[in-house]
Protein backbone atom coordinates (compact mmCIF):
# COMPACT_ATOMS: atom_id res chain seq x y z
CA MET A 1 14.89 -11.84 -11.95
CA SER A 2 13.25 -8.46 -11.37
CA TYR A 3 13.50 -6.27 -14.47
CA ALA A 4 13.33 -3.19 -12.24
CA ASP A 5 16.54 -4.35 -10.54
CA ILE A 6 18.27 -4.77 -13.89
CA VAL A 7 17.33 -1.21 -14.81
CA PHE A 8 18.44 0.06 -11.40
CA LYS A 9 21.82 -1.67 -11.56
CA GLU A 10 22.47 -0.34 -15.07
CA MET A 11 21.58 3.18 -13.90
CA VAL A 12 23.82 2.97 -10.82
CA THR A 13 26.70 1.56 -12.87
CA LYS A 14 26.37 4.37 -15.39
CA ILE A 15 26.48 7.01 -12.67
CA LEU A 16 29.48 5.44 -10.92
CA THR A 17 31.48 4.97 -14.13
CA GLU A 18 30.41 7.95 -16.23
CA GLY A 19 29.05 10.43 -13.70
CA VAL A 20 30.58 13.89 -13.34
CA SER A 21 31.43 15.02 -9.81
CA THR A 22 30.21 18.31 -8.35
CA SER A 23 33.05 18.28 -5.81
CA GLY A 24 34.51 21.74 -5.33
CA GLN A 25 31.48 23.44 -6.86
CA LYS A 26 28.74 25.39 -5.10
CA VAL A 27 25.75 23.14 -4.38
CA ARG A 28 22.49 23.71 -2.49
CA PRO A 29 22.08 20.44 -0.53
CA VAL A 30 23.90 19.85 2.74
CA TRP A 31 24.30 16.94 5.15
CA SER A 32 22.93 17.16 8.67
CA ASP A 33 26.36 18.31 9.90
CA GLY A 34 26.32 21.25 7.47
CA THR A 35 28.83 19.74 5.04
CA PRO A 36 28.02 20.36 1.34
CA ALA A 37 26.42 17.26 -0.20
CA HIS A 38 28.17 16.65 -3.51
CA THR A 39 27.17 14.13 -6.17
CA LEU A 40 28.20 12.07 -9.14
CA LYS A 41 25.63 12.92 -11.81
CA VAL A 42 24.52 12.05 -15.31
CA PHE A 43 22.02 13.97 -17.42
CA SER A 44 18.83 12.59 -18.93
CA VAL A 45 18.12 8.98 -18.01
CA VAL A 46 15.08 7.31 -19.57
CA ASN A 47 13.77 4.02 -18.15
CA ARG A 48 10.81 2.04 -19.51
CA TYR A 49 8.71 -0.49 -17.59
CA ASP A 50 5.96 -2.60 -19.13
CA LEU A 51 3.53 -3.06 -16.26
CA SER A 52 1.52 -5.60 -18.22
CA LYS A 53 4.51 -7.94 -17.85
CA GLU A 54 5.86 -7.18 -14.40
CA PHE A 55 5.46 -4.81 -11.46
CA PRO A 56 8.67 -2.76 -10.97
CA ALA A 57 9.39 -3.61 -7.33
CA PRO A 58 13.02 -3.75 -6.17
CA THR A 59 14.46 -6.91 -4.66
CA LEU A 60 18.06 -5.77 -4.07
CA ARG A 61 16.54 -4.28 -0.91
CA PRO A 62 12.92 -3.98 0.19
CA VAL A 63 10.75 -0.99 -0.57
CA ASN A 64 8.49 0.30 2.21
CA PHE A 65 5.45 -0.45 0.09
CA LYS A 66 2.79 0.87 2.49
CA ALA A 67 4.64 4.18 2.84
CA CYS A 68 5.03 4.42 -0.95
CA VAL A 69 1.31 3.98 -1.47
CA ASP A 70 0.44 6.28 1.41
CA GLU A 71 2.51 9.12 -0.09
CA ILE A 72 1.02 8.78 -3.58
CA LEU A 73 -2.49 8.81 -2.07
CA TRP A 74 -1.49 11.86 -0.01
CA ILE A 75 -0.57 13.73 -3.18
CA TRP A 76 -3.06 12.60 -5.83
CA GLN A 77 -6.08 11.46 -3.80
CA LYS A 78 -6.03 13.46 -0.55
CA LYS A 79 -4.39 16.40 -2.39
CA SER A 80 -2.70 17.40 0.84
CA ASN A 81 0.38 19.48 1.53
CA ASN A 82 0.41 18.81 5.28
CA ILE A 83 2.49 16.06 6.87
CA HIS A 84 -0.19 15.47 9.50
CA ASP A 85 -2.18 13.77 6.72
CA LEU A 86 0.77 11.48 5.97
CA ASN A 87 1.57 8.30 7.91
CA SER A 88 5.36 8.56 7.62
CA HIS A 89 8.09 11.06 8.44
CA ILE A 90 9.70 11.42 5.02
CA TRP A 91 8.59 15.05 4.66
CA ASP A 92 9.33 16.20 8.21
CA SER A 93 12.55 18.04 7.25
CA TRP A 94 10.68 20.28 4.80
CA ALA A 95 7.56 21.05 6.86
CA ASP A 96 6.97 24.23 8.84
CA GLU A 97 5.68 24.40 12.41
CA THR A 98 2.10 23.75 11.21
CA GLY A 99 3.10 20.69 9.16
CA SER A 100 2.74 22.46 5.82
CA ILE A 101 5.20 22.02 2.94
CA GLY A 102 3.84 25.17 1.30
CA LYS A 103 2.10 25.35 -2.05
CA ALA A 104 3.66 22.07 -3.17
CA TYR A 105 2.60 18.61 -4.35
CA GLY A 106 -0.97 17.95 -3.17
CA TYR A 107 -1.72 21.66 -2.99
CA GLN A 108 -1.10 21.97 -6.73
CA VAL A 109 -3.08 18.81 -7.52
CA GLY A 110 -6.07 20.09 -5.54
CA LYS A 111 -6.25 23.54 -7.10
CA LYS A 112 -9.29 23.88 -9.35
CA SER A 113 -7.53 25.04 -12.48
CA ARG A 114 -8.91 22.93 -15.35
CA PHE A 115 -12.26 23.05 -17.11
CA ILE A 116 -14.39 20.06 -18.12
CA THR A 117 -17.88 19.76 -19.57
CA ASN A 118 -20.17 17.94 -17.16
CA GLU A 119 -23.09 15.63 -17.97
CA ASN A 120 -25.40 18.65 -18.22
CA GLY A 121 -23.23 20.25 -20.89
CA GLU A 122 -21.98 22.90 -18.46
CA LYS A 123 -18.35 23.98 -18.18
CA VAL A 124 -17.10 23.50 -14.62
CA LYS A 125 -13.69 24.00 -13.04
CA VAL A 126 -12.04 20.95 -11.46
CA ASP A 127 -8.71 19.98 -9.94
CA GLN A 128 -6.01 17.99 -11.72
CA THR A 129 -7.03 14.52 -10.53
CA ASP A 130 -10.65 15.02 -11.53
CA TYR A 131 -9.57 16.47 -14.87
CA ILE A 132 -7.48 13.37 -15.63
CA LEU A 133 -10.28 11.02 -14.59
CA ASN A 134 -12.82 12.92 -16.70
CA GLN A 135 -10.63 12.95 -19.79
CA LEU A 136 -9.83 9.24 -19.57
CA LYS A 137 -13.55 8.50 -19.44
CA THR A 138 -14.86 11.03 -21.98
CA ASN A 139 -11.94 11.94 -24.24
CA PRO A 140 -9.41 9.10 -23.97
CA LEU A 141 -7.58 9.81 -27.23
CA SER A 142 -6.69 13.31 -26.07
CA ARG A 143 -2.98 14.07 -26.11
CA ARG A 144 -3.48 16.63 -23.36
CA ILE A 145 -4.12 14.43 -20.31
CA ILE A 146 -1.42 15.96 -18.16
CA GLY A 147 -0.87 16.58 -14.46
CA ASN A 148 1.74 19.20 -13.57
CA LEU A 149 3.01 20.06 -10.08
CA TYR A 150 5.63 22.62 -11.18
CA ASN A 151 3.68 25.86 -11.02
CA VAL A 152 6.26 28.54 -11.81
CA GLU A 153 4.03 31.26 -10.32
CA GLU A 154 4.07 29.59 -6.91
CA VAL A 155 7.28 27.57 -6.84
CA ASP A 156 8.92 30.09 -4.51
CA GLU A 157 6.16 29.39 -2.00
CA MET A 158 6.98 25.67 -1.93
CA ARG A 159 9.22 24.31 0.82
CA LEU A 160 10.79 22.06 -1.83
CA ASP A 161 10.47 22.19 -5.59
CA PRO A 162 8.68 19.03 -6.76
CA CYS A 163 11.08 16.29 -7.84
CA CYS A 164 8.56 14.19 -9.78
CA TYR A 165 6.77 17.14 -11.34
CA SER A 166 4.54 15.96 -14.19
CA ILE A 167 2.68 12.98 -15.59
CA THR A 168 1.23 12.48 -19.06
CA LEU A 169 -1.43 9.80 -19.56
CA ASN A 170 -1.87 8.29 -23.02
CA VAL A 171 -4.25 5.57 -24.21
CA VAL A 172 -3.06 3.11 -26.88
CA GLY A 173 -5.67 0.50 -27.75
CA ASN A 174 -7.01 -0.80 -24.45
CA LYS A 175 -3.88 0.12 -22.47
CA LEU A 176 -3.19 3.18 -20.36
CA ASN A 177 0.40 4.44 -20.38
CA MET A 178 2.14 7.07 -18.29
CA LEU A 179 5.15 9.32 -18.83
CA LEU A 180 6.69 10.49 -15.55
CA ASN A 181 9.03 13.49 -15.57
CA GLN A 182 11.46 14.00 -12.71
CA ARG A 183 13.84 16.97 -12.46
CA SER A 184 16.16 15.38 -9.88
CA GLN A 185 16.63 11.89 -8.46
CA ASP A 186 18.54 10.90 -5.33
CA THR A 187 19.13 7.42 -6.74
CA ILE A 188 20.12 5.60 -3.56
CA VAL A 189 17.49 7.12 -1.27
CA ALA A 190 14.52 7.24 -3.66
CA GLY A 191 15.49 5.60 -6.95
CA GLU A 192 13.10 2.67 -6.62
CA TRP A 193 10.57 4.52 -4.46
CA ASN A 194 9.27 6.88 -7.15
CA ILE A 195 8.83 4.21 -9.81
CA VAL A 196 6.90 1.93 -7.42
CA GLN A 197 4.46 4.64 -6.34
CA TYR A 198 3.79 5.95 -9.84
CA ALA A 199 3.25 2.39 -11.05
CA VAL A 200 0.58 2.13 -8.33
CA LEU A 201 -0.94 5.43 -9.50
CA LEU A 202 -1.08 4.17 -13.08
CA TYR A 203 -2.87 1.03 -11.91
CA MET A 204 -5.37 3.18 -10.00
CA PHE A 205 -6.18 5.40 -12.97
CA ALA A 206 -6.45 2.37 -15.27
CA GLN A 207 -8.74 0.34 -13.04
CA VAL A 208 -11.29 3.08 -12.37
CA THR A 209 -11.48 4.12 -16.04
CA GLY A 210 -11.65 0.64 -17.56
CA TYR A 211 -8.19 0.18 -19.07
CA GLU A 212 -5.39 -2.34 -18.79
CA VAL A 213 -2.02 -1.04 -17.64
CA GLY A 214 0.65 -0.48 -20.27
CA GLU A 215 4.02 1.25 -20.07
CA LEU A 216 5.42 3.53 -17.41
CA VAL A 217 8.23 5.64 -18.88
CA HIS A 218 10.42 7.47 -16.36
CA VAL A 219 12.45 10.47 -17.55
CA ILE A 220 15.05 11.78 -15.08
CA ALA A 221 16.88 15.03 -15.83
CA ASP A 222 19.55 15.06 -13.09
CA CYS A 223 20.23 11.48 -12.01
CA HIS A 224 22.78 11.37 -9.22
CA ILE A 225 24.41 9.51 -6.35
CA TYR A 226 25.57 11.50 -3.32
CA ASP A 227 29.16 11.24 -2.15
CA ARG A 228 28.17 9.54 1.13
CA HIS A 229 26.12 6.94 -0.79
CA ILE A 230 28.85 5.60 -3.08
CA GLU A 231 29.76 2.66 -0.83
CA ILE A 232 26.06 1.79 -0.47
CA ALA A 233 25.67 1.88 -4.25
CA ALA A 234 28.63 -0.49 -4.63
CA GLU A 235 27.08 -2.86 -2.08
CA LEU A 236 23.76 -2.93 -3.96
CA LEU A 237 25.57 -3.81 -7.20
CA THR A 238 26.94 -7.00 -5.58
CA ARG A 239 23.45 -8.33 -4.89
CA GLU A 240 21.67 -10.66 -7.30
CA PRO A 241 18.02 -9.84 -8.04
CA TYR A 242 15.18 -12.13 -7.01
CA PRO A 243 12.09 -12.66 -9.21
CA ALA A 244 9.66 -9.74 -9.15
CA PRO A 245 6.73 -10.05 -6.73
CA THR A 246 3.11 -10.19 -7.85
CA PHE A 247 1.18 -6.94 -7.52
CA TRP A 248 -2.38 -7.10 -6.20
CA ILE A 249 -4.90 -4.26 -6.42
CA ASN A 250 -8.36 -4.69 -4.96
CA PRO A 251 -10.53 -5.33 -8.05
CA GLU A 252 -13.68 -4.21 -6.22
CA ILE A 253 -12.61 -0.56 -6.08
CA LYS A 254 -14.03 1.42 -9.01
CA ASP A 255 -13.92 4.88 -7.41
CA PHE A 256 -10.48 6.56 -7.32
CA TYR A 257 -11.31 8.16 -3.97
CA LYS A 258 -12.19 4.86 -2.28
CA PHE A 259 -8.70 3.37 -2.44
CA THR A 260 -6.80 2.93 0.84
CA VAL A 261 -3.31 1.56 1.48
CA ASP A 262 -4.90 -1.80 2.28
CA ASP A 263 -6.16 -2.15 -1.31
CA PHE A 264 -2.64 -2.83 -2.61
CA ARG A 265 -0.22 -5.65 -1.90
CA LEU A 266 3.02 -7.24 -3.09
CA ASP A 267 2.68 -11.03 -2.93
CA ASN A 268 5.60 -13.49 -2.87
CA TYR A 269 7.97 -10.60 -2.25
CA GLN A 270 11.54 -11.90 -1.91
CA HIS A 271 14.27 -9.36 -1.29
CA HIS A 272 17.71 -8.79 0.18
CA PRO A 273 18.09 -7.12 3.61
CA GLN A 274 17.38 -3.44 4.03
CA ILE A 275 20.33 -1.05 4.22
CA LYS A 276 19.63 1.05 7.28
CA ASN A 277 20.65 4.54 8.38
CA ILE A 278 21.24 5.93 4.90
CA PRO A 279 22.08 9.64 5.33
CA VAL A 280 19.71 12.04 3.57
CA ALA A 281 20.88 15.34 2.10
CA ILE A 282 18.55 18.28 2.69
């Protein structure tokens, strides 16, 4: 059975049985009808996935794999903060009339804020993606290969503070590992989504820099289930996982910027039916 599902069910069970309710307290999120969106929450969840053994795709319900990949490319490859560059509507609620989500996500990735030494021995300023790629190729044992989207100087100019806000890449032997930090996780809406897309990102970085994939470690600070999702969570717990699908990445792509959504696939993907019309707190 899918190991990712085992992790997910353990996380959901922990929240439902040990989570502390925010009912009666002042909270920021609201439902579409204006009602405060309260949660059951636990602090500091750490999940580990060995990608060399299995791709962490959910089978308790399907993940919209193309949309997952499209969003991670939007952030780390296109470095965009405009929903018109995205082929889904998941960011529509946070965009302004021009489609911008402010100085968030891809905007922070694309800022030239890091220095590298090029092949001519010159110091040049690059963005975060190019810094990571350079360090993995030229200085792989560095303990400073970090991407960070939480720019405190500009966070007030973001339409939404980044949820998954930093990654740390670390090479051990011939394997590339990633630590993903997330400040807040809406477990029922996006619990499996984030881990799938950052697993894809780890595969991308590994393939174009010559490494095998290793571990993806996911650290979640505020891990919660919204009050209107509790019945959905209980339904998911009744479902038995299927075996994990096989992940395919186009082995011909050696340039990070050449990947498209069609260069990734989940083969033999068995899953339970989708749960539709899940309300989203904003």
